[in-house]
């Protein structure tokens, strides 16, 4: 697997970008439905779900208002 020197969250962005472009983040092979069709044959669905979860969680506002005007 390639090693990445990145800032927090940048690795998630790299994985998301590669998967969206149907390129395996590990070996550079083509992908179909989160699975590499190239040399490594890796299923990237768990990493995709984790990257999307952590990326969206970081952008969630801790002071978002709930229905009825209450704060979270």
N, C-alpha and C. Protein backbone atom coordinates (compact mmCIF):
# COMPACT_ATOMS: atom_id res chain seq x y z
N UNK A 1 0.84 -1.18 0.00
CA UNK A 1 0.00 0.00 0.00
C UNK A 1 0.88 1.24 0.00
N UNK A 2 0.44 2.25 -0.72
CA UNK A 2 1.16 3.52 -0.74
C UNK A 2 1.06 4.17 0.62
N UNK A 3 2.12 4.87 1.02
CA UNK A 3 2.06 5.65 2.25
C UNK A 3 1.80 7.09 1.88
N UNK A 4 1.05 7.77 2.71
CA UNK A 4 0.68 9.15 2.45
C UNK A 4 1.15 10.02 3.60
N UNK A 5 1.72 11.16 3.29
CA UNK A 5 2.01 12.16 4.30
C UNK A 5 0.99 13.26 4.10
N UNK A 6 0.01 13.32 5.00
CA UNK A 6 -1.09 14.25 4.80
C UNK A 6 -1.48 14.91 6.11
N UNK A 7 -2.23 15.98 5.98
CA UNK A 7 -2.84 16.64 7.13
C UNK A 7 -4.07 15.82 7.52
N UNK A 8 -4.56 15.96 8.76
CA UNK A 8 -5.79 15.24 9.15
C UNK A 8 -6.92 15.57 8.18
N UNK A 9 -7.62 14.56 7.74
CA UNK A 9 -8.72 14.72 6.80
C UNK A 9 -8.29 14.69 5.35
N UNK A 10 -7.02 14.98 5.06
CA UNK A 10 -6.55 14.99 3.68
C UNK A 10 -6.52 13.58 3.11
N UNK A 11 -6.17 12.58 3.93
CA UNK A 11 -6.17 11.20 3.47
C UNK A 11 -7.58 10.79 3.07
N UNK A 12 -8.58 11.17 3.89
CA UNK A 12 -9.97 10.86 3.54
C UNK A 12 -10.32 11.47 2.19
N UNK A 13 -9.91 12.70 1.96
CA UNK A 13 -10.21 13.37 0.69
C UNK A 13 -9.53 12.64 -0.46
N UNK A 14 -8.33 12.17 -0.26
CA UNK A 14 -7.61 11.43 -1.30
C UNK A 14 -8.32 10.12 -1.63
N UNK A 15 -8.74 9.40 -0.61
CA UNK A 15 -9.46 8.14 -0.82
C UNK A 15 -10.78 8.40 -1.53
N UNK A 16 -11.53 9.39 -1.06
CA UNK A 16 -12.82 9.72 -1.67
C UNK A 16 -12.62 10.10 -3.13
N UNK A 17 -11.64 10.95 -3.41
CA UNK A 17 -11.38 11.39 -4.78
C UNK A 17 -11.03 10.21 -5.68
N UNK A 18 -10.15 9.33 -5.20
CA UNK A 18 -9.76 8.17 -6.01
C UNK A 18 -10.96 7.28 -6.30
N UNK A 19 -11.75 7.00 -5.29
CA UNK A 19 -12.90 6.11 -5.46
C UNK A 19 -13.94 6.74 -6.39
N UNK A 20 -14.19 8.04 -6.25
CA UNK A 20 -15.13 8.72 -7.14
C UNK A 20 -14.67 8.62 -8.58
N UNK A 21 -13.35 8.70 -8.77
CA UNK A 21 -12.79 8.62 -10.12
C UNK A 21 -12.54 7.18 -10.57
N UNK A 22 -13.02 6.22 -9.79
CA UNK A 22 -12.91 4.80 -10.10
C UNK A 22 -11.47 4.34 -10.29
N UNK A 23 -10.59 4.87 -9.42
CA UNK A 23 -9.17 4.49 -9.42
C UNK A 23 -8.84 3.96 -8.04
N UNK A 24 -8.25 2.80 -7.96
CA UNK A 24 -7.90 2.19 -6.69
C UNK A 24 -6.84 3.04 -5.98
N UNK A 25 -7.10 3.48 -4.73
CA UNK A 25 -6.12 4.27 -4.00
C UNK A 25 -4.83 3.50 -3.69
N UNK A 26 -4.89 2.18 -3.72
CA UNK A 26 -3.73 1.36 -3.36
C UNK A 26 -2.85 1.05 -4.57
N UNK A 27 -3.43 0.48 -5.62
CA UNK A 27 -2.59 0.04 -6.74
C UNK A 27 -2.80 0.83 -8.03
N UNK A 28 -3.81 1.71 -8.05
CA UNK A 28 -4.07 2.51 -9.24
C UNK A 28 -4.89 1.81 -10.30
N UNK A 29 -5.35 0.60 -9.99
CA UNK A 29 -6.19 -0.14 -10.95
C UNK A 29 -7.58 0.47 -11.07
N UNK A 30 -8.32 0.01 -12.05
CA UNK A 30 -9.70 0.49 -12.22
C UNK A 30 -10.59 -0.16 -11.16
N UNK A 31 -11.70 0.51 -10.86
CA UNK A 31 -12.61 0.01 -9.83
C UNK A 31 -14.02 -0.12 -10.37
N UNK A 32 -14.76 -1.04 -9.77
CA UNK A 32 -16.17 -1.21 -10.08
C UNK A 32 -16.89 -1.51 -8.77
N UNK A 33 -17.85 -0.68 -8.42
CA UNK A 33 -18.63 -0.86 -7.19
C UNK A 33 -17.74 -1.07 -5.97
N UNK A 34 -16.80 -0.16 -5.76
CA UNK A 34 -15.89 -0.13 -4.61
C UNK A 34 -14.86 -1.25 -4.60
N UNK A 35 -14.81 -2.08 -5.60
CA UNK A 35 -13.85 -3.17 -5.64
C UNK A 35 -12.85 -2.96 -6.76
N UNK A 36 -11.56 -3.07 -6.40
CA UNK A 36 -10.49 -2.91 -7.38
C UNK A 36 -10.51 -4.08 -8.36
N UNK A 37 -10.44 -3.74 -9.63
CA UNK A 37 -10.38 -4.75 -10.69
C UNK A 37 -8.93 -4.98 -11.12
N UNK A 38 -8.01 -4.28 -10.45
CA UNK A 38 -6.59 -4.37 -10.80
C UNK A 38 -5.85 -5.39 -9.96
N UNK A 39 -4.58 -5.10 -9.72
CA UNK A 39 -3.65 -6.03 -9.08
C UNK A 39 -4.06 -6.42 -7.66
N UNK A 40 -4.49 -5.45 -6.84
CA UNK A 40 -4.74 -5.77 -5.42
C UNK A 40 -6.10 -6.40 -5.17
N UNK A 41 -7.12 -6.09 -5.99
CA UNK A 41 -8.44 -6.68 -5.83
C UNK A 41 -9.16 -6.30 -4.55
N UNK A 42 -8.74 -5.20 -3.93
CA UNK A 42 -9.27 -4.81 -2.62
C UNK A 42 -10.68 -4.22 -2.72
N UNK A 43 -11.49 -4.53 -1.72
CA UNK A 43 -12.81 -3.94 -1.58
C UNK A 43 -12.66 -2.69 -0.72
N UNK A 44 -12.99 -1.52 -1.28
CA UNK A 44 -12.80 -0.24 -0.61
C UNK A 44 -14.05 0.29 0.08
N UNK A 45 -15.12 -0.48 0.13
CA UNK A 45 -16.36 0.01 0.73
C UNK A 45 -16.19 0.43 2.19
N UNK A 46 -15.52 -0.36 3.05
CA UNK A 46 -15.37 0.09 4.45
C UNK A 46 -14.57 1.40 4.57
N UNK A 47 -13.51 1.55 3.79
CA UNK A 47 -12.74 2.79 3.83
C UNK A 47 -13.56 3.96 3.30
N UNK A 48 -14.35 3.74 2.27
CA UNK A 48 -15.23 4.77 1.72
C UNK A 48 -16.21 5.23 2.79
N UNK A 49 -16.87 4.27 3.44
CA UNK A 49 -17.85 4.62 4.47
C UNK A 49 -17.19 5.38 5.61
N UNK A 50 -16.00 4.95 6.05
CA UNK A 50 -15.29 5.62 7.13
C UNK A 50 -14.87 7.04 6.71
N UNK A 51 -14.35 7.19 5.50
CA UNK A 51 -13.90 8.49 5.03
C UNK A 51 -15.08 9.46 4.94
N UNK A 52 -16.20 9.02 4.41
CA UNK A 52 -17.37 9.87 4.30
C UNK A 52 -17.89 10.23 5.69
N UNK A 53 -17.94 9.25 6.59
CA UNK A 53 -18.41 9.50 7.95
C UNK A 53 -17.54 10.53 8.67
N UNK A 54 -16.22 10.34 8.65
CA UNK A 54 -15.35 11.26 9.37
C UNK A 54 -15.32 12.63 8.72
N UNK A 55 -15.44 12.69 7.40
CA UNK A 55 -15.45 13.99 6.72
C UNK A 55 -16.72 14.76 7.04
N UNK A 56 -17.86 14.10 7.02
CA UNK A 56 -19.11 14.80 7.31
C UNK A 56 -19.24 15.11 8.80
N UNK A 57 -18.70 14.26 9.66
CA UNK A 57 -18.76 14.49 11.09
C UNK A 57 -17.95 15.73 11.48
N UNK A 58 -16.81 15.93 10.83
CA UNK A 58 -15.95 17.08 11.13
C UNK A 58 -16.61 18.38 10.75
N UNK A 59 -17.49 18.36 9.76
CA UNK A 59 -18.13 19.58 9.29
C UNK A 59 -19.47 19.84 9.97
N UNK A 60 -19.92 18.93 10.82
CA UNK A 60 -21.19 19.13 11.52
C UNK A 60 -21.00 20.19 12.60
N UNK A 61 -21.94 21.11 12.66
CA UNK A 61 -21.85 22.19 13.65
C UNK A 61 -22.32 21.69 15.01
N UNK A 62 -21.52 21.89 16.06
CA UNK A 62 -21.94 21.45 17.39
C UNK A 62 -23.06 22.31 17.96
N UNK A 63 -23.31 23.47 17.36
CA UNK A 63 -24.33 24.38 17.86
C UNK A 63 -25.55 24.44 16.95
N UNK A 64 -25.73 23.40 16.18
CA UNK A 64 -26.88 23.35 15.27
C UNK A 64 -28.16 23.32 16.09
N UNK A 65 -29.14 24.09 15.67
CA UNK A 65 -30.42 24.13 16.39
C UNK A 65 -31.30 22.94 16.01
N UNK A 66 -31.97 22.42 17.00
CA UNK A 66 -32.91 21.32 16.80
C UNK A 66 -34.30 21.91 16.60
N UNK A 67 -35.25 21.13 16.11
CA UNK A 67 -36.63 21.64 15.98
C UNK A 67 -37.12 22.16 17.32
N UNK A 68 -37.83 23.28 17.27
CA UNK A 68 -38.33 23.87 18.51
C UNK A 68 -37.37 24.89 19.11
N UNK A 69 -36.23 25.13 18.44
CA UNK A 69 -35.29 26.14 18.90
C UNK A 69 -34.27 25.67 19.89
N UNK A 70 -34.33 24.41 20.31
CA UNK A 70 -33.35 23.89 21.28
C UNK A 70 -32.01 23.71 20.59
N UNK A 71 -30.95 23.85 21.38
CA UNK A 71 -29.61 23.61 20.84
C UNK A 71 -29.17 22.21 21.12
N UNK A 72 -28.37 21.70 20.28
CA UNK A 72 -27.81 20.36 20.47
C UNK A 72 -26.64 20.41 21.41
